[in-house]
């Protein structure tokens, strides 16, 4: 009987001792843990294992670098991103073929005459005015409709009785000046329409290409009824005039084929522009055949008109039928070149006089 009772009692006692020992080894209060196990706090737990350093490079790679290390496309220097092709010297060879700057429509509405008066070209000098021509003329009857050569804004509408838009007051008479934003040009381009009998727009008006802006007249210093037309580049200044023949759209021949233009410069080996009084341009028919037609030019009379951007020319002519041409003049001997004029294109030729 004693043997039977002793065994369970001993077993229970041993079990209680084991449970008590287990609690002493594995359990402690937060205060005891912080006081008795400082080394365990310094050791990282499983959630504190520093795995980020291995991932940081991948996470940082897409981050944009500072502009000084990797410039964005918008940081391209202005001279590279904004330099228009038309502002560069277009022709470093003896003869070049260019698309030209033919952005402007003819400023006379049909059925008016929209051909240029070839008896008084850009740069020609007349003793009566003692001035070189800064534009071209369209001979039309008084009252013929004058239209905008391109979309733009009216910057001048009225007359020049008090404000000189040219060499002196009352030079242009009734006039309109438009400002345009043309493709390829960072600076504005201005067109001037003068000698008008009537002005039909007001300063600040926005106008569309082909919109009527005035009527042909004979105000100012003009001997007859005509439209005087100018192109100014960069600023609205008489000194910034360019040859309109190199800006106006081409006319077409009877077959509907666009005409072309020819421009040239005559320079010495120092790059100085030389004057030539008589340049003969012959339209060739073929070997041994007489010329189809002949045109007579001079270099621009005023030296400040020669060599201006974008084409750096000192003489020019437009509305030429496509085909072969011969240019001839005398300067330090006979100077002669044959060139080809293409439909709707500009042929540029350089004469280097040594």
C-alpha atoms as a PDB file:
ATOM      1  CA  UNK A   1       0.000   0.000   0.000  1.00  0.00           C
ATOM      2  CA  UNK A   2       2.765   2.477   0.825  1.00  0.00           C
ATOM      3  CA  UNK A   3       4.603   1.555  -2.334  1.00  0.00           C
ATOM      4  CA  UNK A   4       1.568   2.265  -4.492  1.00  0.00           C
ATOM      5  CA  UNK A   5       0.945   5.759  -3.041  1.00  0.00           C
ATOM      6  CA  UNK A   6       4.626   6.867  -3.084  1.00  0.00           C
ATOM      7  CA  UNK A   7       5.105   6.571  -6.815  1.00  0.00           C
ATOM      8  CA  UNK A   8       2.413   9.064  -7.962  1.00  0.00           C
ATOM      9  CA  UNK A   9       3.391  11.581  -5.306  1.00  0.00           C
ATOM     10  CA  UNK A  10       7.029  11.512  -6.358  1.00  0.00           C
ATOM     11  CA  UNK A  11       6.110  11.839 -10.012  1.00  0.00           C
ATOM     12  CA  UNK A  12       3.964  14.912  -9.369  1.00  0.00           C
ATOM     13  CA  UNK A  13       6.636  16.529  -7.275  1.00  0.00           C
ATOM     14  CA  UNK A  14       9.265  16.013  -9.926  1.00  0.00           C
ATOM     15  CA  UNK A  15       6.944  17.459 -12.568  1.00  0.00           C
ATOM     16  CA  UNK A  16       6.366  20.630 -10.506  1.00  0.00           C
ATOM     17  CA  UNK A  17      10.108  21.083 -10.039  1.00  0.00           C
ATOM     18  CA  UNK A  18      10.715  20.849 -13.763  1.00  0.00           C
ATOM     19  CA  UNK A  19       8.012  23.424 -14.584  1.00  0.00           C
ATOM     20  CA  UNK A  20       9.416  25.829 -12.013  1.00  0.00           C
ATOM     21  CA  UNK A  21      12.928  25.474 -13.360  1.00  0.00           C
ATOM     22  CA  UNK A  22      11.691  26.115 -16.915  1.00  0.00           C
ATOM     23  CA  UNK A  23      10.007  29.377 -15.879  1.00  0.00           C
ATOM     24  CA  UNK A  24      13.190  30.592 -14.176  1.00  0.00           C
ATOM     25  CA  UNK A  25      15.295  29.947 -17.267  1.00  0.00           C
ATOM     26  CA  UNK A  26      12.998  31.169 -20.057  1.00  0.00           C
ATOM     27  CA  UNK A  27      10.790  33.881 -18.520  1.00  0.00           C
ATOM     28  CA  UNK A  28      11.647  37.394 -17.250  1.00  0.00           C
ATOM     29  CA  UNK A  29       9.850  40.728 -16.863  1.00  0.00           C
ATOM     30  CA  UNK A  30      10.586  43.701 -19.212  1.00  0.00           C
ATOM     31  CA  UNK A  31      12.512  45.382 -16.436  1.00  0.00           C
ATOM     32  CA  UNK A  32      14.659  42.355 -15.881  1.00  0.00           C
ATOM     33  CA  UNK A  33      15.238  41.987 -19.627  1.00  0.00           C
ATOM     34  CA  UNK A  34      16.512  45.522 -19.965  1.00  0.00           C
ATOM     35  CA  UNK A  35      18.655  45.300 -16.851  1.00  0.00           C
ATOM     36  CA  UNK A  36      20.080  41.831 -17.139  1.00  0.00           C
ATOM     37  CA  UNK A  37      20.503  41.382 -20.912  1.00  0.00           C
ATOM     38  CA  UNK A  38      21.988  44.564 -22.343  1.00  0.00           C
ATOM     39  CA  UNK A  39      23.968  42.604 -24.920  1.00  0.00           C
ATOM     40  CA  UNK A  40      20.781  41.209 -26.466  1.00  0.00           C
ATOM     41  CA  UNK A  41      19.474  44.741 -27.199  1.00  0.00           C
ATOM     42  CA  UNK A  42      22.597  45.612 -29.163  1.00  0.00           C
ATOM     43  CA  UNK A  43      22.186  42.544 -31.345  1.00  0.00           C
ATOM     44  CA  UNK A  44      19.678  43.118 -34.177  1.00  0.00           C
ATOM     45  CA  UNK A  45      16.548  41.040 -34.257  1.00  0.00           C
ATOM     46  CA  UNK A  46      15.366  39.303 -37.405  1.00  0.00           C
ATOM     47  CA  UNK A  47      13.385  42.391 -38.506  1.00  0.00           C
ATOM     48  CA  UNK A  48      16.384  44.645 -37.944  1.00  0.00           C
ATOM     49  CA  UNK A  49      18.838  42.802 -40.214  1.00  0.00           C
ATOM     50  CA  UNK A  50      20.385  45.505 -42.442  1.00  0.00           C
ATOM     51  CA  UNK A  51      19.376  44.272 -45.903  1.00  0.00           C
ATOM     52  CA  UNK A  52      18.809  47.826 -47.382  1.00  0.00           C
ATOM     53  CA  UNK A  53      22.431  48.541 -48.347  1.00  0.00           C
ATOM     54  CA  UNK A  54      22.317  45.766 -50.922  1.00  0.00           C
ATOM     55  CA  UNK A  55      19.081  47.226 -52.433  1.00  0.00           C
ATOM     56  CA  UNK A  56      19.959  50.938 -52.334  1.00  0.00           C
ATOM     57  CA  UNK A  57      21.842  51.067 -55.659  1.00  0.00           C
ATOM     58  CA  UNK A  58      18.875  49.586 -57.497  1.00  0.00           C
ATOM     59  CA  UNK A  59      16.497  51.991 -55.783  1.00  0.00           C
ATOM     60  CA  UNK A  60      18.664  55.026 -56.598  1.00  0.00           C
ATOM     61  CA  UNK A  61      19.468  54.293 -60.253  1.00  0.00           C
ATOM     62  CA  UNK A  62      16.255  55.858 -61.706  1.00  0.00           C
ATOM     63  CA  UNK A  63      16.724  59.054 -59.699  1.00  0.00           C
ATOM     64  CA  UNK A  64      17.605  61.942 -62.086  1.00  0.00           C
ATOM     65  CA  UNK A  65      21.145  63.192 -61.692  1.00  0.00           C
ATOM     66  CA  UNK A  66      21.832  66.890 -61.147  1.00  0.00           C
ATOM     67  CA  UNK A  67      21.917  68.960 -64.352  1.00  0.00           C
ATOM     68  CA  UNK A  68      25.662  69.465 -63.977  1.00  0.00           C
ATOM     69  CA  UNK A  69      26.203  65.704 -64.279  1.00  0.00           C
ATOM     70  CA  UNK A  70      23.606  64.801 -66.884  1.00  0.00           C
ATOM     71  CA  UNK A  71      22.022  67.794 -68.716  1.00  0.00           C
ATOM     72  CA  UNK A  72      18.445  67.337 -69.758  1.00  0.00           C
ATOM     73  CA  UNK A  73      17.504  68.052 -73.408  1.00  0.00           C
ATOM     74  CA  UNK A  74      16.161  71.472 -72.382  1.00  0.00           C
ATOM     75  CA  UNK A  75      19.615  72.393 -71.107  1.00  0.00           C
ATOM     76  CA  UNK A  76      21.152  72.412 -74.614  1.00  0.00           C
ATOM     77  CA  UNK A  77      22.949  75.728 -75.123  1.00  0.00           C
ATOM     78  CA  UNK A  78      20.779  78.286 -76.981  1.00  0.00           C
ATOM     79  CA  UNK A  79      23.240  78.601 -79.855  1.00  0.00           C
ATOM     80  CA  UNK A  80      22.701  74.909 -80.636  1.00  0.00           C
ATOM     81  CA  UNK A  81      18.989  74.502 -79.929  1.00  0.00           C
ATOM     82  CA  UNK A  82      17.722  77.843 -81.296  1.00  0.00           C
ATOM     83  CA  UNK A  83      20.080  78.602 -84.191  1.00  0.00           C
ATOM     84  CA  UNK A  84      17.815  78.676 -87.265  1.00  0.00           C
ATOM     85  CA  UNK A  85      19.158  77.070 -90.384  1.00  0.00           C
ATOM     86  CA  UNK A  86      18.404  80.171 -92.463  1.00  0.00           C
ATOM     87  CA  UNK A  87      20.692  82.324 -90.301  1.00  0.00           C
ATOM     88  CA  UNK A  88      23.804  80.361 -91.259  1.00  0.00           C
ATOM     89  CA  UNK A  89      25.939  81.345 -94.229  1.00  0.00           C
ATOM     90  CA  UNK A  90      24.143  79.200 -96.804  1.00  0.00           C
ATOM     91  CA  UNK A  91      26.791  78.933 -99.494  1.00  0.00           C
ATOM     92  CA  UNK A  92      30.449  78.156 -98.922  1.00  0.00           C
ATOM     93  CA  UNK A  93      30.837  76.750-102.451  1.00  0.00           C
ATOM     94  CA  UNK A  94      31.093  78.667-105.683  1.00  0.00           C
ATOM     95  CA  UNK A  95      27.516  77.725-106.656  1.00  0.00           C
ATOM     96  CA  UNK A  96      24.773  76.505-104.314  1.00  0.00           C
ATOM     97  CA  UNK A  97      21.122  75.566-104.678  1.00  0.00           C
ATOM     98  CA  UNK A  98      18.893  76.580-101.732  1.00  0.00           C
ATOM     99  CA  UNK A  99      15.209  76.382-100.788  1.00  0.00           C
ATOM    100  CA  UNK A 100      15.274  80.108-100.110  1.00  0.00           C
ATOM    101  CA  UNK A 101      13.098  82.282 -97.847  1.00  0.00           C
ATOM    102  CA  UNK A 102      10.051  82.523-100.088  1.00  0.00           C
ATOM    103  CA  UNK A 103       7.504  82.773 -97.247  1.00  0.00           C
ATOM    104  CA  UNK A 104       5.537  85.856 -98.355  1.00  0.00           C
ATOM    105  CA  UNK A 105       2.531  85.977-100.644  1.00  0.00           C
ATOM    106  CA  UNK A 106       2.235  88.663-103.292  1.00  0.00           C
ATOM    107  CA  UNK A 107       0.747  91.810-101.722  1.00  0.00           C
ATOM    108  CA  UNK A 108      -1.666  92.692-104.542  1.00  0.00           C
ATOM    109  CA  UNK A 109      -5.017  90.934-104.781  1.00  0.00           C
ATOM    110  CA  UNK A 110      -6.256  89.612-108.143  1.00  0.00           C
ATOM    111  CA  UNK A 111      -6.950  90.929-110.688  1.00  0.00           C
ATOM    112  CA  UNK A 112      -4.295  93.485-109.796  1.00  0.00           C
ATOM    113  CA  UNK A 113      -0.771  93.308-111.215  1.00  0.00           C
ATOM    114  CA  UNK A 114       1.444  91.265-108.860  1.00  0.00           C
ATOM    115  CA  UNK A 115       4.638  91.373-110.939  1.00  0.00           C
ATOM    116  CA  UNK A 116       7.611  93.441-109.735  1.00  0.00           C
ATOM    117  CA  UNK A 117       8.561  96.609-111.591  1.00  0.00           C
ATOM    118  CA  UNK A 118      11.942  95.577-113.040  1.00  0.00           C
ATOM    119  CA  UNK A 119      12.901  99.145-113.983  1.00  0.00           C
ATOM    120  CA  UNK A 120      13.515 100.043-110.340  1.00  0.00           C
ATOM    121  CA  UNK A 121      14.805  97.057-108.411  1.00  0.00           C
ATOM    122  CA  UNK A 122      15.925  96.803-104.804  1.00  0.00           C
ATOM    123  CA  UNK A 123      19.221  98.654-104.266  1.00  0.00           C
ATOM    124  CA  UNK A 124      18.921 100.772-107.429  1.00  0.00           C
ATOM    125  CA  UNK A 125      19.813 104.463-107.108  1.00  0.00           C
ATOM    126  CA  UNK A 126      17.885 107.377-108.562  1.00  0.00           C
ATOM    127  CA  UNK A 127      19.321 110.869-108.793  1.00  0.00           C
ATOM    128  CA  UNK A 128      15.897 112.367-108.172  1.00  0.00           C
ATOM    129  CA  UNK A 129      15.681 110.926-104.656  1.00  0.00           C
ATOM    130  CA  UNK A 130      19.419 110.493-104.014  1.00  0.00           C
ATOM    131  CA  UNK A 131      18.529 107.295-102.198  1.00  0.00           C
ATOM    132  CA  UNK A 132      18.921 103.603-102.940  1.00  0.00           C
ATOM    133  CA  UNK A 133      15.617 101.757-103.333  1.00  0.00           C
ATOM    134  CA  UNK A 134      14.852  99.772-100.169  1.00  0.00           C
ATOM    135  CA  UNK A 135      11.953  97.784-101.598  1.00  0.00           C
ATOM    136  CA  UNK A 136      10.150  96.868-104.812  1.00  0.00           C
ATOM    137  CA  UNK A 137       7.185  98.436-106.597  1.00  0.00           C
ATOM    138  CA  UNK A 138       3.961  96.952-107.955  1.00  0.00           C
ATOM    139  CA  UNK A 139       2.503  99.293-110.602  1.00  0.00           C
ATOM    140  CA  UNK A 140      -1.288  99.372-110.241  1.00  0.00           C
ATOM    141  CA  UNK A 141      -4.163 101.775-110.604  1.00  0.00           C
ATOM    142  CA  UNK A 142      -5.330 103.770-107.616  1.00  0.00           C
ATOM    143  CA  UNK A 143      -7.869 101.787-105.613  1.00  0.00           C
ATOM    144  CA  UNK A 144      -6.378  98.341-106.347  1.00  0.00           C
ATOM    145  CA  UNK A 145      -6.670  96.073-103.304  1.00  0.00           C
ATOM    146  CA  UNK A 146      -3.510  95.637-101.178  1.00  0.00           C
ATOM    147  CA  UNK A 147      -3.382  92.478 -99.042  1.00  0.00           C
ATOM    148  CA  UNK A 148      -1.243  91.119 -96.195  1.00  0.00           C
ATOM    149  CA  UNK A 149       1.706  89.050 -97.406  1.00  0.00           C
ATOM    150  CA  UNK A 150       1.532  86.773 -94.314  1.00  0.00           C
ATOM    151  CA  UNK A 151      -0.309  86.354 -91.031  1.00  0.00           C
ATOM    152  CA  UNK A 152       0.707  89.119 -88.663  1.00  0.00           C
ATOM    153  CA  UNK A 153      -0.122  92.054 -86.431  1.00  0.00           C
ATOM    154  CA  UNK A 154      -0.507  95.687 -87.512  1.00  0.00           C
ATOM    155  CA  UNK A 155       2.202  97.793 -85.835  1.00  0.00           C
ATOM    156  CA  UNK A 156       1.749 100.955 -87.946  1.00  0.00           C
ATOM    157  CA  UNK A 157      -1.410 102.170 -89.679  1.00  0.00           C
ATOM    158  CA  UNK A 158      -1.723 105.765 -90.882  1.00  0.00           C
ATOM    159  CA  UNK A 159       0.866 108.092 -92.394  1.00  0.00           C
ATOM    160  CA  UNK A 160       4.406 109.355 -91.796  1.00  0.00           C
ATOM    161  CA  UNK A 161       3.693 113.090 -91.631  1.00  0.00           C
ATOM    162  CA  UNK A 162       5.009 113.285 -88.057  1.00  0.00           C
ATOM    163  CA  UNK A 163       6.965 110.051 -87.508  1.00  0.00           C
ATOM    164  CA  UNK A 164       9.664 109.126 -90.090  1.00  0.00           C
ATOM    165  CA  UNK A 165       9.489 105.407 -90.831  1.00  0.00           C
ATOM    166  CA  UNK A 166      12.071 105.972 -93.569  1.00  0.00           C
ATOM    167  CA  UNK A 167      14.772 108.562 -94.315  1.00  0.00           C
ATOM    168  CA  UNK A 168      12.447 111.503 -93.593  1.00  0.00           C
ATOM    169  CA  UNK A 169       8.820 112.421 -92.892  1.00  0.00           C
ATOM    170  CA  UNK A 170       6.236 112.241 -95.662  1.00  0.00           C
ATOM    171  CA  UNK A 171       8.407 109.790 -97.585  1.00  0.00           C
ATOM    172  CA  UNK A 172       5.992 106.834 -97.628  1.00  0.00           C
ATOM    173  CA  UNK A 173       2.710 108.755 -97.369  1.00  0.00           C
ATOM    174  CA  UNK A 174      -0.140 106.534 -96.180  1.00  0.00           C
ATOM    175  CA  UNK A 175       1.273 103.239 -95.017  1.00  0.00           C
ATOM    176  CA  UNK A 176       0.754  99.979 -93.128  1.00  0.00           C
ATOM    177  CA  UNK A 177       3.501  97.966 -91.419  1.00  0.00           C
ATOM    178  CA  UNK A 178       2.899  94.378 -90.280  1.00  0.00           C
ATOM    179  CA  UNK A 179       4.968  92.249 -87.916  1.00  0.00           C
ATOM    180  CA  UNK A 180       5.297  88.523 -88.719  1.00  0.00           C
ATOM    181  CA  UNK A 181       6.653  85.411 -87.063  1.00  0.00           C
ATOM    182  CA  UNK A 182       8.122  83.437 -89.963  1.00  0.00           C
ATOM    183  CA  UNK A 183       9.401  79.841 -89.774  1.00  0.00           C
ATOM    184  CA  UNK A 184      13.108  79.505 -89.041  1.00  0.00           C
ATOM    185  CA  UNK A 185      13.582  83.085 -87.850  1.00  0.00           C
ATOM    186  CA  UNK A 186      13.940  83.840 -84.116  1.00  0.00           C
ATOM    187  CA  UNK A 187      13.550  87.564 -84.803  1.00  0.00           C
ATOM    188  CA  UNK A 188      10.447  89.228 -86.230  1.00  0.00           C
ATOM    189  CA  UNK A 189      10.079  90.084 -89.906  1.00  0.00           C
ATOM    190  CA  UNK A 190       8.238  93.262 -90.925  1.00  0.00           C
ATOM    191  CA  UNK A 191       6.501  94.069 -94.206  1.00  0.00           C
ATOM    192  CA  UNK A 192       5.756  97.664 -95.263  1.00  0.00           C
ATOM    193  CA  UNK A 193       3.019  98.742 -97.697  1.00  0.00           C
ATOM    194  CA  UNK A 194       3.130 102.427 -98.673  1.00  0.00           C
ATOM    195  CA  UNK A 195       1.950 105.130-101.082  1.00  0.00           C
ATOM    196  CA  UNK A 196      -1.600 103.994-100.254  1.00  0.00           C
ATOM    197  CA  UNK A 197      -4.724 105.959-101.088  1.00  0.00           C
ATOM    198  CA  UNK A 198      -6.545 104.458 -98.117  1.00  0.00           C
ATOM    199  CA  UNK A 199      -5.619 102.507 -94.972  1.00  0.00           C
ATOM    200  CA  UNK A 200      -8.197  99.845 -93.998  1.00  0.00           C
ATOM    201  CA  UNK A 201      -6.762  98.478 -90.739  1.00  0.00           C
ATOM    202  CA  UNK A 202      -5.850  99.870 -87.334  1.00  0.00           C
ATOM    203  CA  UNK A 203      -2.791  99.456 -85.135  1.00  0.00           C
ATOM    204  CA  UNK A 204      -3.030  96.282 -83.057  1.00  0.00           C
ATOM    205  CA  UNK A 205      -5.265  94.400 -85.516  1.00  0.00           C
ATOM    206  CA  UNK A 206      -4.407  90.769 -86.211  1.00  0.00           C
ATOM    207  CA  UNK A 207      -4.534  90.061 -89.936  1.00  0.00           C
ATOM    208  CA  UNK A 208      -4.449  86.897 -92.007  1.00  0.00           C
ATOM    209  CA  UNK A 209      -2.514  86.314 -95.197  1.00  0.00           C
ATOM    210  CA  UNK A 210      -4.491  87.677 -98.149  1.00  0.00           C
ATOM    211  CA  UNK A 211      -6.624  89.985 -95.991  1.00  0.00           C
ATOM    212  CA  UNK A 212      -7.224  93.439 -97.468  1.00  0.00           C
ATOM    213  CA  UNK A 213      -5.310  96.108 -95.526  1.00  0.00           C
ATOM    214  CA  UNK A 214      -5.364  99.114 -97.877  1.00  0.00           C
ATOM    215  CA  UNK A 215      -5.735 100.462-101.402  1.00  0.00           C
ATOM    216  CA  UNK A 216      -3.061 101.441-103.932  1.00  0.00           C
ATOM    217  CA  UNK A 217      -2.479 105.178-104.261  1.00  0.00           C
ATOM    218  CA  UNK A 218       0.170 107.794-104.969  1.00  0.00           C
ATOM    219  CA  UNK A 219       0.847 109.418-101.591  1.00  0.00           C
ATOM    220  CA  UNK A 220       4.364 110.219-100.407  1.00  0.00           C
ATOM    221  CA  UNK A 221       7.280 110.764-102.779  1.00  0.00           C
ATOM    222  CA  UNK A 222       6.039 108.636-105.662  1.00  0.00           C
ATOM    223  CA  UNK A 223       5.456 110.039-109.181  1.00  0.00           C
ATOM    224  CA  UNK A 224       2.549 107.743-110.015  1.00  0.00           C
ATOM    225  CA  UNK A 225       0.072 105.190-108.715  1.00  0.00           C
ATOM    226  CA  UNK A 226       1.981 102.274-107.213  1.00  0.00           C
ATOM    227  CA  UNK A 227       2.420 100.015-104.194  1.00  0.00           C
ATOM    228  CA  UNK A 228       5.852 100.295-102.579  1.00  0.00           C
ATOM    229  CA  UNK A 229       6.632  97.082-100.646  1.00  0.00           C
ATOM    230  CA  UNK A 230       9.493  96.442 -98.201  1.00  0.00           C
ATOM    231  CA  UNK A 231      10.813  93.575 -96.070  1.00  0.00           C
ATOM    232  CA  UNK A 232      12.660  94.381 -92.838  1.00  0.00           C
ATOM    233  CA  UNK A 233      14.364  91.732 -90.696  1.00  0.00           C
ATOM    234  CA  UNK A 234      14.954  91.892 -86.937  1.00  0.00           C
ATOM    235  CA  UNK A 235      13.501  95.337 -86.312  1.00  0.00           C
ATOM    236  CA  UNK A 236      11.174  97.819 -87.941  1.00  0.00           C
ATOM    237  CA  UNK A 237      13.970  99.973 -89.330  1.00  0.00           C
ATOM    238  CA  UNK A 238      14.719 101.490 -92.716  1.00  0.00           C
ATOM    239  CA  UNK A 239      18.314 100.282 -92.236  1.00  0.00           C
ATOM    240  CA  UNK A 240      17.234  96.618 -91.932  1.00  0.00           C
ATOM    241  CA  UNK A 241      15.654  96.344 -95.381  1.00  0.00           C
ATOM    242  CA  UNK A 242      16.113  93.149 -97.409  1.00  0.00           C
ATOM    243  CA  UNK A 243      15.454  92.444-101.082  1.00  0.00           C
ATOM    244  CA  UNK A 244      11.779  91.381-101.327  1.00  0.00           C
ATOM    245  CA  UNK A 245      12.555  89.414-104.485  1.00  0.00           C
ATOM    246  CA  UNK A 246      14.175  86.802-102.219  1.00  0.00           C
ATOM    247  CA  UNK A 247      11.160  86.654 -99.865  1.00  0.00           C
ATOM    248  CA  UNK A 248       8.086  86.724-102.117  1.00  0.00           C
ATOM    249  CA  UNK A 249       6.586  83.456-103.329  1.00  0.00           C
ATOM    250  CA  UNK A 250       7.376  82.475-106.904  1.00  0.00           C
ATOM    251  CA  UNK A 251       5.042  83.104-109.781  1.00  0.00           C
ATOM    252  CA  UNK A 252       4.362  80.270-112.244  1.00  0.00           C
ATOM    253  CA  UNK A 253       4.823  80.030-115.991  1.00  0.00           C
ATOM    254  CA  UNK A 254       2.105  79.185-118.502  1.00  0.00           C
ATOM    255  CA  UNK A 255       2.645  75.472-117.787  1.00  0.00           C
ATOM    256  CA  UNK A 256       2.029  75.943-114.070  1.00  0.00           C
ATOM    257  CA  UNK A 257       5.709  75.422-113.265  1.00  0.00           C
ATOM    258  CA  UNK A 258       7.150  77.599-110.500  1.00  0.00           C
ATOM    259  CA  UNK A 259       9.750  80.148-111.534  1.00  0.00           C
ATOM    260  CA  UNK A 260      13.104  80.430-109.762  1.00  0.00           C
ATOM    261  CA  UNK A 261      15.496  83.038-108.397  1.00  0.00           C
ATOM    262  CA  UNK A 262      19.179  83.865-108.736  1.00  0.00           C
ATOM    263  CA  UNK A 263      21.382  85.774-106.297  1.00  0.00           C
ATOM    264  CA  UNK A 264      25.104  86.401-106.165  1.00  0.00           C
ATOM    265  CA  UNK A 265      27.934  88.226-104.513  1.00  0.00           C
ATOM    266  CA  UNK A 266      31.115  89.734-105.895  1.00  0.00           C
ATOM    267  CA  UNK A 267      33.947  89.836-103.353  1.00  0.00           C
ATOM    268  CA  UNK A 268      37.719  90.106-103.254  1.00  0.00           C
ATOM    269  CA  UNK A 269      40.077  87.708-101.491  1.00  0.00           C
ATOM    270  CA  UNK A 270      39.626  89.712 -98.261  1.00  0.00           C
ATOM    271  CA  UNK A 271      35.855  89.237 -98.316  1.00  0.00           C
ATOM    272  CA  UNK A 272      35.130  92.847 -99.284  1.00  0.00           C
ATOM    273  CA  UNK A 273      32.040  93.307-101.462  1.00  0.00           C
ATOM    274  CA  UNK A 274      32.886  94.948-104.789  1.00  0.00           C
ATOM    275  CA  UNK A 275      30.523  97.140-106.841  1.00  0.00           C
ATOM    276  CA  UNK A 276      29.656  96.153-110.414  1.00  0.00           C
ATOM    277  CA  UNK A 277      27.735  98.533-112.653  1.00  0.00           C
ATOM    278  CA  UNK A 278      26.616  96.174-115.381  1.00  0.00           C
ATOM    279  CA  UNK A 279      25.824  92.468-114.830  1.00  0.00           C
ATOM    280  CA  UNK A 280      24.359  90.643-117.829  1.00  0.00           C
ATOM    281  CA  UNK A 281      22.275  87.525-117.154  1.00  0.00           C
ATOM    282  CA  UNK A 282      21.420  85.497-120.257  1.00  0.00           C
ATOM    283  CA  UNK A 283      18.918  82.653-120.437  1.00  0.00           C
ATOM    284  CA  UNK A 284      20.630  79.991-122.543  1.00  0.00           C
ATOM    285  CA  UNK A 285      18.927  78.056-125.328  1.00  0.00           C
ATOM    286  CA  UNK A 286      21.710  75.593-125.982  1.00  0.00           C
ATOM    287  CA  UNK A 287      25.178  75.386-127.545  1.00  0.00           C
ATOM    288  CA  UNK A 288      25.522  77.675-130.559  1.00  0.00           C
ATOM    289  CA  UNK A 289      22.025  79.162-130.119  1.00  0.00           C
ATOM    290  CA  UNK A 290      21.256  82.814-129.308  1.00  0.00           C
ATOM    291  CA  UNK A 291      20.109  83.633-125.786  1.00  0.00           C
ATOM    292  CA  UNK A 292      16.399  83.283-125.105  1.00  0.00           C
ATOM    293  CA  UNK A 293      16.340  86.403-122.963  1.00  0.00           C
ATOM    294  CA  UNK A 294      18.669  88.872-121.256  1.00  0.00           C
ATOM    295  CA  UNK A 295      18.452  90.699-117.919  1.00  0.00           C
ATOM    296  CA  UNK A 296      20.602  93.590-116.712  1.00  0.00           C
ATOM    297  CA  UNK A 297      21.494  94.179-113.070  1.00  0.00           C
ATOM    298  CA  UNK A 298      23.900  96.126-110.905  1.00  0.00           C
ATOM    299  CA  UNK A 299      25.137  95.268-107.448  1.00  0.00           C
ATOM    300  CA  UNK A 300      23.251  97.104-104.707  1.00  0.00           C
ATOM    301  CA  UNK A 301      24.279 100.763-104.904  1.00  0.00           C
ATOM    302  CA  UNK A 302      24.669 101.283-101.149  1.00  0.00           C
ATOM    303  CA  UNK A 303      27.366  99.113 -99.617  1.00  0.00           C
ATOM    304  CA  UNK A 304      25.369  98.644 -96.392  1.00  0.00           C
ATOM    305  CA  UNK A 305      22.776  96.729 -98.422  1.00  0.00           C
ATOM    306  CA  UNK A 306      25.343  94.183 -99.622  1.00  0.00           C
ATOM    307  CA  UNK A 307      26.141  91.022 -97.695  1.00  0.00           C
ATOM    308  CA  UNK A 308      23.169  90.987 -95.336  1.00  0.00           C
ATOM    309  CA  UNK A 309      21.754  87.792 -93.855  1.00  0.00           C
ATOM    310  CA  UNK A 310      20.296  85.390 -94.658  1.00  0.00           C
ATOM    311  CA  UNK A 311      21.778  85.118 -98.171  1.00  0.00           C
ATOM    312  CA  UNK A 312      24.698  87.572 -98.069  1.00  0.00           C
ATOM    313  CA  UNK A 313      24.123  88.634-101.672  1.00  0.00           C
ATOM    314  CA  UNK A 314      24.948  91.861-103.502  1.00  0.00           C
ATOM    315  CA  UNK A 315      22.619  91.335-106.505  1.00  0.00           C
ATOM    316  CA  UNK A 316      19.485  89.275-107.087  1.00  0.00           C
ATOM    317  CA  UNK A 317      16.675  88.621-109.532  1.00  0.00           C
ATOM    318  CA  UNK A 318      13.525  86.514-109.192  1.00  0.00           C
ATOM    319  CA  UNK A 319      10.767  85.195-111.490  1.00  0.00           C
ATOM    320  CA  UNK A 320      13.268  83.499-113.807  1.00  0.00           C
ATOM    321  CA  UNK A 321      12.108  80.599-115.994  1.00  0.00           C
ATOM    322  CA  UNK A 322      13.910  77.367-114.982  1.00  0.00           C
ATOM    323  CA  UNK A 323      16.917  76.485-117.099  1.00  0.00           C
ATOM    324  CA  UNK A 324      20.519  77.360-117.785  1.00  0.00           C
ATOM    325  CA  UNK A 325      21.888  80.895-117.418  1.00  0.00           C
ATOM    326  CA  UNK A 326      25.159  82.685-118.032  1.00  0.00           C
ATOM    327  CA  UNK A 327      26.309  85.556-115.806  1.00  0.00           C
ATOM    328  CA  UNK A 328      28.830  87.981-117.311  1.00  0.00           C
ATOM    329  CA  UNK A 329      30.479  91.246-116.238  1.00  0.00           C
ATOM    330  CA  UNK A 330      33.795  93.044-116.497  1.00  0.00           C
ATOM    331  CA  UNK A 331      35.876  93.543-113.349  1.00  0.00           C
ATOM    332  CA  UNK A 332      39.603  92.929-113.416  1.00  0.00           C
ATOM    333  CA  UNK A 333      39.001  91.183-116.705  1.00  0.00           C
ATOM    334  CA  UNK A 334      36.070  89.149-117.988  1.00  0.00           C
ATOM    335  CA  UNK A 335      34.080  87.327-115.263  1.00  0.00           C
ATOM    336  CA  UNK A 336      31.677  84.641-116.416  1.00  0.00           C
ATOM    337  CA  UNK A 337      29.848  81.654-114.915  1.00  0.00           C
ATOM    338  CA  UNK A 338      27.112  79.294-116.049  1.00  0.00           C
ATOM    339  CA  UNK A 339      24.459  78.308-113.518  1.00  0.00           C
ATOM    340  CA  UNK A 340      21.199  76.387-113.392  1.00  0.00           C
ATOM    341  CA  UNK A 341      17.938  77.848-112.072  1.00  0.00           C
ATOM    342  CA  UNK A 342      15.503  75.283-110.662  1.00  0.00           C
ATOM    343  CA  UNK A 343      11.715  75.670-110.204  1.00  0.00           C
ATOM    344  CA  UNK A 344      10.872  77.270-106.870  1.00  0.00           C
ATOM    345  CA  UNK A 345      14.516  77.345-105.753  1.00  0.00           C
ATOM    346  CA  UNK A 346      17.252  79.911-105.167  1.00  0.00           C
ATOM    347  CA  UNK A 347      20.587  79.610-106.966  1.00  0.00           C
ATOM    348  CA  UNK A 348      23.471  81.335-105.149  1.00  0.00           C
ATOM    349  CA  UNK A 349      26.732  82.121-106.925  1.00  0.00           C
ATOM    350  CA  UNK A 350      29.967  83.674-105.636  1.00  0.00           C
ATOM    351  CA  UNK A 351      32.492  85.580-107.766  1.00  0.00           C
ATOM    352  CA  UNK A 352      35.892  85.791-106.088  1.00  0.00           C
ATOM    353  CA  UNK A 353      37.956  88.565-107.672  1.00  0.00           C
ATOM    354  CA  UNK A 354      41.673  88.252-106.910  1.00  0.00           C
END
